[in-house]
Each structure stands twice: as C-alpha cells, then as structure tokens.
N, C-alpha and C. Protein backbone atom coordinates (compact mmCIF):
# COMPACT_ATOMS: atom_id res chain seq x y z
N UNK A 1 -70.31 -37.83 -41.13
CA UNK A 1 -70.75 -36.73 -40.32
C UNK A 1 -70.35 -35.41 -41.00
N UNK A 2 -71.27 -34.50 -41.08
CA UNK A 2 -71.02 -33.22 -41.75
C UNK A 2 -70.39 -32.22 -40.80
N UNK A 3 -69.67 -31.28 -41.38
CA UNK A 3 -69.09 -30.20 -40.58
C UNK A 3 -70.17 -29.23 -40.14
N UNK A 4 -69.93 -28.60 -39.00
CA UNK A 4 -70.79 -27.51 -38.55
C UNK A 4 -70.40 -26.25 -39.31
N UNK A 5 -71.23 -25.21 -39.31
CA UNK A 5 -70.85 -23.95 -39.95
C UNK A 5 -69.56 -23.38 -39.35
N UNK A 6 -69.35 -23.56 -38.06
CA UNK A 6 -68.13 -23.06 -37.41
C UNK A 6 -66.89 -23.79 -37.91
N UNK A 7 -67.00 -25.10 -38.10
CA UNK A 7 -65.87 -25.86 -38.64
C UNK A 7 -65.58 -25.43 -40.07
N UNK A 8 -66.64 -25.27 -40.86
CA UNK A 8 -66.44 -24.81 -42.24
C UNK A 8 -65.77 -23.45 -42.28
N UNK A 9 -66.11 -22.56 -41.36
CA UNK A 9 -65.49 -21.23 -41.32
C UNK A 9 -63.99 -21.34 -41.07
N UNK A 10 -63.58 -22.23 -40.17
CA UNK A 10 -62.15 -22.42 -39.89
C UNK A 10 -61.44 -22.96 -41.12
N UNK A 11 -61.98 -23.99 -41.73
CA UNK A 11 -61.34 -24.58 -42.91
C UNK A 11 -61.30 -23.59 -44.08
N UNK A 12 -62.35 -22.80 -44.24
CA UNK A 12 -62.38 -21.78 -45.29
C UNK A 12 -61.31 -20.72 -45.05
N UNK A 13 -61.20 -20.27 -43.80
CA UNK A 13 -60.18 -19.27 -43.46
C UNK A 13 -58.79 -19.83 -43.74
N UNK A 14 -58.56 -21.08 -43.38
CA UNK A 14 -57.26 -21.70 -43.63
C UNK A 14 -56.97 -21.76 -45.13
N UNK A 15 -57.97 -22.13 -45.92
CA UNK A 15 -57.78 -22.21 -47.38
C UNK A 15 -57.46 -20.84 -47.96
N UNK A 16 -58.15 -19.80 -47.49
CA UNK A 16 -57.87 -18.45 -47.98
C UNK A 16 -56.47 -18.01 -47.62
N UNK A 17 -56.06 -18.30 -46.39
CA UNK A 17 -54.70 -17.93 -45.96
C UNK A 17 -53.65 -18.68 -46.77
N UNK A 18 -53.89 -19.95 -47.04
CA UNK A 18 -52.96 -20.73 -47.87
C UNK A 18 -52.89 -20.14 -49.28
N UNK A 19 -54.04 -19.79 -49.85
CA UNK A 19 -54.08 -19.24 -51.21
C UNK A 19 -53.33 -17.92 -51.30
N UNK A 20 -53.32 -17.17 -50.22
CA UNK A 20 -52.59 -15.89 -50.19
C UNK A 20 -51.12 -16.07 -49.83
N UNK A 21 -50.71 -17.30 -49.58
CA UNK A 21 -49.31 -17.57 -49.24
C UNK A 21 -48.94 -17.15 -47.83
N UNK A 22 -49.92 -17.05 -46.97
CA UNK A 22 -49.66 -16.58 -45.61
C UNK A 22 -49.56 -17.69 -44.59
N UNK A 23 -49.62 -18.96 -45.06
CA UNK A 23 -49.51 -20.10 -44.17
C UNK A 23 -48.25 -20.87 -44.53
N UNK A 24 -47.36 -20.99 -43.58
CA UNK A 24 -46.15 -21.78 -43.76
C UNK A 24 -46.52 -23.25 -43.75
N UNK A 25 -45.79 -24.06 -44.51
CA UNK A 25 -46.06 -25.50 -44.46
C UNK A 25 -45.61 -26.09 -43.13
N UNK A 26 -45.06 -25.26 -42.28
CA UNK A 26 -44.68 -25.66 -40.92
C UNK A 26 -45.88 -25.70 -39.98
N UNK A 27 -46.97 -25.02 -40.33
CA UNK A 27 -48.15 -24.92 -39.46
C UNK A 27 -49.31 -25.68 -40.11
N UNK A 28 -49.86 -26.65 -39.37
CA UNK A 28 -50.91 -27.51 -39.91
C UNK A 28 -52.05 -27.61 -38.90
N UNK A 29 -53.28 -27.44 -39.37
CA UNK A 29 -54.43 -27.67 -38.50
C UNK A 29 -54.61 -29.17 -38.33
N UNK A 30 -54.66 -29.63 -37.10
CA UNK A 30 -54.82 -31.05 -36.81
C UNK A 30 -56.28 -31.46 -36.70
N UNK A 31 -57.09 -30.63 -36.05
CA UNK A 31 -58.51 -30.94 -35.92
C UNK A 31 -59.28 -29.68 -35.61
N UNK A 32 -60.57 -29.73 -35.92
CA UNK A 32 -61.47 -28.60 -35.65
C UNK A 32 -62.70 -29.14 -34.93
N UNK A 33 -62.96 -28.62 -33.75
CA UNK A 33 -64.12 -29.03 -32.97
C UNK A 33 -65.40 -28.45 -33.57
N UNK A 34 -66.56 -29.01 -33.25
CA UNK A 34 -67.83 -28.50 -33.79
C UNK A 34 -68.08 -27.02 -33.49
N UNK A 35 -67.51 -26.50 -32.38
CA UNK A 35 -67.71 -25.09 -32.04
C UNK A 35 -66.72 -24.17 -32.74
N UNK A 36 -65.83 -24.72 -33.57
CA UNK A 36 -64.87 -23.92 -34.32
C UNK A 36 -63.50 -23.83 -33.68
N UNK A 37 -63.35 -24.36 -32.47
CA UNK A 37 -62.03 -24.36 -31.85
C UNK A 37 -61.14 -25.31 -32.63
N UNK A 38 -59.91 -24.86 -32.91
CA UNK A 38 -59.02 -25.71 -33.70
C UNK A 38 -57.67 -25.90 -33.03
N UNK A 39 -57.05 -27.01 -33.34
CA UNK A 39 -55.73 -27.35 -32.83
C UNK A 39 -54.76 -27.36 -34.00
N UNK A 40 -53.59 -26.80 -33.74
CA UNK A 40 -52.57 -26.77 -34.80
C UNK A 40 -51.32 -27.51 -34.33
N UNK A 41 -50.52 -27.87 -35.29
CA UNK A 41 -49.23 -28.48 -35.02
C UNK A 41 -48.18 -27.69 -35.78
N UNK A 42 -47.07 -27.42 -35.12
CA UNK A 42 -45.93 -26.84 -35.82
C UNK A 42 -44.88 -27.94 -35.92
N UNK A 43 -44.26 -28.02 -37.06
CA UNK A 43 -43.37 -29.15 -37.31
C UNK A 43 -41.89 -28.81 -37.14
N UNK A 44 -41.58 -27.52 -37.07
CA UNK A 44 -40.18 -27.13 -36.96
C UNK A 44 -40.11 -25.84 -36.15
N UNK A 45 -40.36 -25.94 -34.87
CA UNK A 45 -40.39 -24.76 -34.03
C UNK A 45 -41.65 -23.95 -34.32
N UNK A 46 -41.59 -22.68 -34.05
CA UNK A 46 -42.76 -21.81 -34.22
C UNK A 46 -42.71 -20.99 -35.50
N UNK A 47 -41.86 -21.36 -36.43
CA UNK A 47 -41.73 -20.63 -37.69
C UNK A 47 -43.08 -20.54 -38.40
N UNK A 48 -43.52 -19.31 -38.68
CA UNK A 48 -44.76 -19.08 -39.41
C UNK A 48 -46.01 -19.03 -38.56
N UNK A 49 -45.88 -19.30 -37.27
CA UNK A 49 -47.04 -19.37 -36.39
C UNK A 49 -47.74 -18.02 -36.25
N UNK A 50 -46.99 -16.95 -36.06
CA UNK A 50 -47.58 -15.62 -35.88
C UNK A 50 -48.37 -15.21 -37.12
N UNK A 51 -47.79 -15.41 -38.29
CA UNK A 51 -48.48 -15.04 -39.54
C UNK A 51 -49.74 -15.87 -39.72
N UNK A 52 -49.68 -17.14 -39.36
CA UNK A 52 -50.85 -18.02 -39.46
C UNK A 52 -51.98 -17.52 -38.56
N UNK A 53 -51.67 -17.26 -37.30
CA UNK A 53 -52.68 -16.82 -36.34
C UNK A 53 -53.28 -15.48 -36.77
N UNK A 54 -52.45 -14.56 -37.21
CA UNK A 54 -52.95 -13.25 -37.66
C UNK A 54 -53.89 -13.41 -38.85
N UNK A 55 -53.51 -14.23 -39.82
CA UNK A 55 -54.35 -14.42 -41.00
C UNK A 55 -55.65 -15.12 -40.63
N UNK A 56 -55.58 -16.16 -39.82
CA UNK A 56 -56.80 -16.87 -39.42
C UNK A 56 -57.74 -15.93 -38.68
N UNK A 57 -57.23 -15.14 -37.76
CA UNK A 57 -58.07 -14.20 -37.03
C UNK A 57 -58.73 -13.20 -37.97
N UNK A 58 -57.96 -12.69 -38.91
CA UNK A 58 -58.47 -11.72 -39.90
C UNK A 58 -59.60 -12.33 -40.73
N UNK A 59 -59.37 -13.52 -41.26
CA UNK A 59 -60.37 -14.17 -42.13
C UNK A 59 -61.62 -14.57 -41.36
N UNK A 60 -61.44 -15.07 -40.14
CA UNK A 60 -62.59 -15.50 -39.36
C UNK A 60 -63.40 -14.30 -38.86
N UNK A 61 -62.73 -13.22 -38.54
CA UNK A 61 -63.43 -11.99 -38.14
C UNK A 61 -64.26 -11.47 -39.32
N UNK A 62 -63.68 -11.48 -40.51
CA UNK A 62 -64.40 -11.02 -41.71
C UNK A 62 -65.60 -11.92 -41.99
N UNK A 63 -65.44 -13.23 -41.81
CA UNK A 63 -66.53 -14.16 -42.05
C UNK A 63 -67.65 -13.97 -41.02
N UNK A 64 -67.27 -13.69 -39.79
CA UNK A 64 -68.27 -13.49 -38.73
C UNK A 64 -69.10 -12.24 -38.96
N UNK A 65 -68.47 -11.18 -39.44
CA UNK A 65 -69.21 -9.93 -39.68
C UNK A 65 -70.06 -10.01 -40.94
N UNK A 66 -69.72 -10.95 -41.84
CA UNK A 66 -70.48 -11.11 -43.07
C UNK A 66 -71.79 -11.88 -42.84
N UNK A 67 -71.91 -12.53 -41.72
CA UNK A 67 -73.12 -13.33 -41.43
C UNK A 67 -74.31 -12.46 -41.17
C-alpha cells in the first residue's frame, strides 16, 4: 500500500528535522494516518518533544504553502 501525499509530507518533514539535528532520538514517530495525523513516542520523558513539534510544524507549514 502506498503512502498518501499527507503521509509523505509528515515523513519528509521528519527527515528534514532529523537532518538539521532538531529531532532527539528520544522522540520517534510510531505511525502516520492517511490524513497526515501522526503518533509519536517518547522514550525517556518529554526530552526533545518541544523542539520536535516546533520543527515538524515549521516544515509542514512550509510544505503546505509550497503546494
């Protein structure tokens, strides 16, 4: 089964954030729904969660305006 464009946008945003060093290895995306909603897991408290959410929002907003 192929990803939807919304799922690809989430995974792309995550990859960009990782490449920029803005994602802690403490925060992991567990799954992405077809509509782009995603679930994350933190493995050691909430360390890195704020930076992850900020980066994901920034990248996904930029991708949405580029469409």
